[in-house]
Amino acid sequence: MSFLRAATRTSAFLRPTVNLRSPVASLYARYLSTEMKARLDKDIKSNDVVLFMKGTPEQPMCGFSRATVQIMQVQGVDFDSRVNAFNVLEDEELRQGIKEYSEWPTIPQVYIKGEFVGGCDILLNMHQSGDLEDLLVKNEIVSVEEDEEKK
């Protein structure tokens, strides 16, 4: 065993300590309130497709949110009837809460039929591979006929 490794096991001086009363500790350990969890549970089940994004589908406020909306439009998802979009820029608690809820650090986030799908990068990969189309058809968000017309 190396000297440094042995020293860190026995020396409190070299071993990191955690002070939970420190204001810095709150940066490392945030917990989702029961009210926010209940709100997110309700919101995520509110529609077939739920999108947490920066901006709105009509006016996205970041490139990743814009790309997510465009991917879903190309897939034939009807934003008027099938998608419930939440602008996280309007509510900081929602913005942080959704990241903790999904354990996914970035926005946008897409949920289909209550299940977390992923962010822009995951959606793009699924779109390119055809998996997103399969998922949307399987969950009856787009019909096979709409899918054929698209081609």
C-alpha atoms as a PDB file:
ATOM      1  CA  MET A   1       0.000   0.000   0.000  1.00  0.00           C
ATOM      2  CA  SER A   2       1.390   3.399  -0.919  1.00  0.00           C
ATOM      3  CA  PHE A   3       2.253   5.928   1.753  1.00  0.00           C
ATOM      4  CA  LEU A   4      -0.343   8.449   0.535  1.00  0.00           C
ATOM      5  CA  ARG A   5      -3.102   5.855   0.466  1.00  0.00           C
ATOM      6  CA  ALA A   6      -2.236   4.653   3.953  1.00  0.00           C
ATOM      7  CA  ALA A   7      -2.070   8.234   5.217  1.00  0.00           C
ATOM      8  CA  THR A   8      -5.515   9.135   3.847  1.00  0.00           C
ATOM      9  CA  ARG A   9      -7.034   6.141   5.570  1.00  0.00           C
ATOM     10  CA  THR A  10      -5.655   7.086   8.959  1.00  0.00           C
ATOM     11  CA  SER A  11      -5.322  10.854   8.881  1.00  0.00           C
ATOM     12  CA  ALA A  12      -8.324  13.106   9.365  1.00  0.00           C
ATOM     13  CA  PHE A  13      -6.178  15.910   7.985  1.00  0.00           C
ATOM     14  CA  LEU A  14      -6.078  14.390   4.489  1.00  0.00           C
ATOM     15  CA  ARG A  15      -9.534  12.804   4.529  1.00  0.00           C
ATOM     16  CA  PRO A  16     -12.319  15.050   3.172  1.00  0.00           C
ATOM     17  CA  THR A  17     -15.027  15.931   5.650  1.00  0.00           C
ATOM     18  CA  VAL A  18     -18.593  16.952   4.978  1.00  0.00           C
ATOM     19  CA  ASN A  19     -20.231  19.749   6.906  1.00  0.00           C
ATOM     20  CA  LEU A  20     -23.949  19.626   6.133  1.00  0.00           C
ATOM     21  CA  ARG A  21     -24.499  23.024   7.750  1.00  0.00           C
ATOM     22  CA  SER A  22     -22.215  24.672   5.256  1.00  0.00           C
ATOM     23  CA  PRO A  23     -23.920  26.756   2.537  1.00  0.00           C
ATOM     24  CA  VAL A  24     -21.734  24.961  -0.014  1.00  0.00           C
ATOM     25  CA  ALA A  25     -23.279  21.603   0.969  1.00  0.00           C
ATOM     26  CA  SER A  26     -26.591  22.713  -0.504  1.00  0.00           C
ATOM     27  CA  LEU A  27     -24.916  22.843  -3.911  1.00  0.00           C
ATOM     28  CA  TYR A  28     -24.098  19.159  -3.703  1.00  0.00           C
ATOM     29  CA  ALA A  29     -27.208  17.761  -2.077  1.00  0.00           C
ATOM     30  CA  ARG A  30     -30.533  19.173  -3.220  1.00  0.00           C
ATOM     31  CA  TYR A  31     -33.690  17.281  -2.579  1.00  0.00           C
ATOM     32  CA  LEU A  32     -36.973  17.442  -4.406  1.00  0.00           C
ATOM     33  CA  SER A  33     -39.820  18.675  -2.238  1.00  0.00           C
ATOM     34  CA  THR A  34     -42.906  16.493  -1.995  1.00  0.00           C
ATOM     35  CA  GLU A  35     -44.998  19.350  -3.440  1.00  0.00           C
ATOM     36  CA  MET A  36     -42.730  19.648  -6.493  1.00  0.00           C
ATOM     37  CA  LYS A  37     -42.659  15.869  -6.964  1.00  0.00           C
ATOM     38  CA  ALA A  38     -46.470  15.740  -6.839  1.00  0.00           C
ATOM     39  CA  ARG A  39     -46.687  18.645  -9.289  1.00  0.00           C
ATOM     40  CA  LEU A  40     -44.255  16.987 -11.701  1.00  0.00           C
ATOM     41  CA  ASP A  41     -46.042  13.617 -11.423  1.00  0.00           C
ATOM     42  CA  LYS A  42     -49.317  15.347 -12.345  1.00  0.00           C
ATOM     43  CA  ASP A  43     -47.744  17.412 -15.145  1.00  0.00           C
ATOM     44  CA  ILE A  44     -45.941  14.444 -16.704  1.00  0.00           C
ATOM     45  CA  LYS A  45     -49.160  12.426 -16.817  1.00  0.00           C
ATOM     46  CA  SER A  46     -51.137  15.411 -18.169  1.00  0.00           C
ATOM     47  CA  ASN A  47     -50.640  14.554 -21.849  1.00  0.00           C
ATOM     48  CA  ASP A  48     -49.240  11.907 -24.184  1.00  0.00           C
ATOM     49  CA  VAL A  49     -46.064  13.931 -24.750  1.00  0.00           C
ATOM     50  CA  VAL A  50     -44.670  16.318 -22.167  1.00  0.00           C
ATOM     51  CA  LEU A  51     -41.783  18.612 -23.020  1.00  0.00           C
ATOM     52  CA  PHE A  52     -39.834  20.653 -20.493  1.00  0.00           C
ATOM     53  CA  MET A  53     -37.977  23.252 -22.532  1.00  0.00           C
ATOM     54  CA  LYS A  54     -36.507  26.727 -22.574  1.00  0.00           C
ATOM     55  CA  GLY A  55     -39.124  28.882 -24.240  1.00  0.00           C
ATOM     56  CA  THR A  56     -42.241  27.671 -26.017  1.00  0.00           C
ATOM     57  CA  PRO A  57     -42.699  25.457 -29.084  1.00  0.00           C
ATOM     58  CA  GLU A  58     -43.605  28.585 -31.058  1.00  0.00           C
ATOM     59  CA  GLN A  59     -40.594  30.501 -29.716  1.00  0.00           C
ATOM     60  CA  PRO A  60     -37.817  28.266 -28.352  1.00  0.00           C
ATOM     61  CA  MET A  61     -35.173  30.130 -26.363  1.00  0.00           C
ATOM     62  CA  CYS A  62     -32.243  27.763 -26.968  1.00  0.00           C
ATOM     63  CA  GLY A  63     -30.950  25.694 -29.854  1.00  0.00           C
ATOM     64  CA  PHE A  64     -31.460  22.358 -28.120  1.00  0.00           C
ATOM     65  CA  SER A  65     -35.097  23.163 -27.346  1.00  0.00           C
ATOM     66  CA  ARG A  66     -35.579  24.308 -30.965  1.00  0.00           C
ATOM     67  CA  ALA A  67     -34.033  21.073 -32.271  1.00  0.00           C
ATOM     68  CA  THR A  68     -36.268  18.970 -30.006  1.00  0.00           C
ATOM     69  CA  VAL A  69     -39.397  20.739 -31.270  1.00  0.00           C
ATOM     70  CA  GLN A  70     -38.265  20.351 -34.892  1.00  0.00           C
ATOM     71  CA  ILE A  71     -37.544  16.629 -34.465  1.00  0.00           C
ATOM     72  CA  MET A  72     -41.005  16.077 -33.034  1.00  0.00           C
ATOM     73  CA  GLN A  73     -42.622  18.133 -35.812  1.00  0.00           C
ATOM     74  CA  VAL A  74     -40.772  16.097 -38.458  1.00  0.00           C
ATOM     75  CA  GLN A  75     -42.112  12.956 -36.766  1.00  0.00           C
ATOM     76  CA  GLY A  76     -45.651  14.312 -37.183  1.00  0.00           C
ATOM     77  CA  VAL A  77     -46.431  14.990 -33.518  1.00  0.00           C
ATOM     78  CA  ASP A  78     -49.393  17.381 -33.201  1.00  0.00           C
ATOM     79  CA  PHE A  79     -48.313  20.047 -30.712  1.00  0.00           C
ATOM     80  CA  ASP A  80     -51.839  21.429 -30.311  1.00  0.00           C
ATOM     81  CA  SER A  81     -53.451  18.231 -29.053  1.00  0.00           C
ATOM     82  CA  ARG A  82     -50.673  15.810 -28.091  1.00  0.00           C
ATOM     83  CA  VAL A  83     -47.940  17.882 -26.428  1.00  0.00           C
ATOM     84  CA  ASN A  84     -47.935  19.733 -23.142  1.00  0.00           C
ATOM     85  CA  ALA A  85     -44.883  22.021 -23.131  1.00  0.00           C
ATOM     86  CA  PHE A  86     -43.548  23.745 -20.021  1.00  0.00           C
ATOM     87  CA  ASN A  87     -41.262  26.764 -20.199  1.00  0.00           C
ATOM     88  CA  VAL A  88     -38.687  26.233 -17.446  1.00  0.00           C
ATOM     89  CA  LEU A  89     -37.407  29.796 -17.841  1.00  0.00           C
ATOM     90  CA  GLU A  90     -40.610  31.079 -16.245  1.00  0.00           C
ATOM     91  CA  ASP A  91     -40.172  29.031 -13.049  1.00  0.00           C
ATOM     92  CA  GLU A  92     -36.746  28.450 -11.464  1.00  0.00           C
ATOM     93  CA  GLU A  93     -38.157  25.865  -9.044  1.00  0.00           C
ATOM     94  CA  LEU A  94     -39.534  23.883 -11.997  1.00  0.00           C
ATOM     95  CA  ARG A  95     -36.229  24.234 -13.840  1.00  0.00           C
ATOM     96  CA  GLN A  96     -34.243  22.714 -10.960  1.00  0.00           C
ATOM     97  CA  GLY A  97     -36.997  20.330  -9.892  1.00  0.00           C
ATOM     98  CA  ILE A  98     -37.302  18.572 -13.240  1.00  0.00           C
ATOM     99  CA  LYS A  99     -33.562  17.927 -13.296  1.00  0.00           C
ATOM    100  CA  GLU A 100     -33.744  16.313  -9.861  1.00  0.00           C
ATOM    101  CA  TYR A 101     -36.950  14.424 -10.700  1.00  0.00           C
ATOM    102  CA  SER A 102     -35.483  12.783 -13.796  1.00  0.00           C
ATOM    103  CA  GLU A 103     -31.892  12.702 -12.563  1.00  0.00           C
ATOM    104  CA  TRP A 104     -31.014  14.213 -15.936  1.00  0.00           C
ATOM    105  CA  PRO A 105     -28.923  17.397 -15.789  1.00  0.00           C
ATOM    106  CA  THR A 106     -30.035  19.193 -18.940  1.00  0.00           C
ATOM    107  CA  ILE A 107     -33.064  20.820 -20.517  1.00  0.00           C
ATOM    108  CA  PRO A 108     -35.005  20.003 -22.740  1.00  0.00           C
ATOM    109  CA  GLN A 109     -36.530  16.808 -21.395  1.00  0.00           C
ATOM    110  CA  VAL A 110     -39.145  14.689 -23.156  1.00  0.00           C
ATOM    111  CA  TYR A 111     -41.647  12.329 -21.534  1.00  0.00           C
ATOM    112  CA  ILE A 112     -43.854  10.025 -23.594  1.00  0.00           C
ATOM    113  CA  LYS A 113     -46.858   8.459 -21.849  1.00  0.00           C
ATOM    114  CA  GLY A 114     -45.324   9.285 -18.470  1.00  0.00           C
ATOM    115  CA  GLU A 115     -41.935   7.715 -19.230  1.00  0.00           C
ATOM    116  CA  PHE A 116     -38.744   9.767 -19.468  1.00  0.00           C
ATOM    117  CA  VAL A 117     -37.238   9.463 -22.950  1.00  0.00           C
ATOM    118  CA  GLY A 118     -34.300  11.853 -22.732  1.00  0.00           C
ATOM    119  CA  GLY A 119     -32.994  15.162 -23.911  1.00  0.00           C
ATOM    120  CA  CYS A 120     -32.191  16.587 -27.326  1.00  0.00           C
ATOM    121  CA  ASP A 121     -29.215  14.296 -27.965  1.00  0.00           C
ATOM    122  CA  ILE A 122     -31.160  11.131 -27.132  1.00  0.00           C
ATOM    123  CA  LEU A 123     -34.141  12.273 -29.213  1.00  0.00           C
ATOM    124  CA  LEU A 124     -31.856  13.042 -32.171  1.00  0.00           C
ATOM    125  CA  ASN A 125     -30.224   9.599 -31.967  1.00  0.00           C
ATOM    126  CA  MET A 126     -33.630   7.910 -31.713  1.00  0.00           C
ATOM    127  CA  HIS A 127     -34.886   9.950 -34.692  1.00  0.00           C
ATOM    128  CA  GLN A 128     -31.874   8.989 -36.809  1.00  0.00           C
ATOM    129  CA  SER A 129     -32.143   5.295 -35.930  1.00  0.00           C
ATOM    130  CA  GLY A 130     -35.925   5.123 -36.390  1.00  0.00           C
ATOM    131  CA  ASP A 131     -36.530   4.234 -32.737  1.00  0.00           C
ATOM    132  CA  LEU A 132     -38.419   7.477 -32.065  1.00  0.00           C
ATOM    133  CA  GLU A 133     -40.829   6.771 -34.901  1.00  0.00           C
ATOM    134  CA  ASP A 134     -41.412   3.257 -33.560  1.00  0.00           C
ATOM    135  CA  LEU A 135     -42.011   4.605 -30.042  1.00  0.00           C
ATOM    136  CA  LEU A 136     -44.484   7.247 -31.264  1.00  0.00           C
ATOM    137  CA  VAL A 137     -46.425   4.722 -33.366  1.00  0.00           C
ATOM    138  CA  LYS A 138     -46.410   2.117 -30.559  1.00  0.00           C
ATOM    139  CA  ASN A 139     -47.830   4.680 -28.112  1.00  0.00           C
ATOM    140  CA  GLU A 140     -50.395   5.844 -30.721  1.00  0.00           C
ATOM    141  CA  ILE A 141     -49.086   9.404 -30.747  1.00  0.00           C
ATOM    142  CA  VAL A 142     -48.718   9.330 -34.517  1.00  0.00           C
ATOM    143  CA  SER A 143     -50.577   6.904 -36.717  1.00  0.00           C
ATOM    144  CA  VAL A 144     -49.030   4.614 -39.291  1.00  0.00           C
ATOM    145  CA  GLU A 145     -50.995   6.450 -42.016  1.00  0.00           C
ATOM    146  CA  GLU A 146     -49.475   9.799 -40.992  1.00  0.00           C
ATOM    147  CA  ASP A 147     -46.112   8.116 -40.966  1.00  0.00           C
ATOM    148  CA  GLU A 148     -46.570   6.818 -44.531  1.00  0.00           C
ATOM    149  CA  GLU A 149     -47.700  10.247 -45.786  1.00  0.00           C
ATOM    150  CA  LYS A 150     -44.554  11.764 -44.317  1.00  0.00           C
ATOM    151  CA  LYS A 151     -42.401   9.538 -46.570  1.00  0.00           C
END
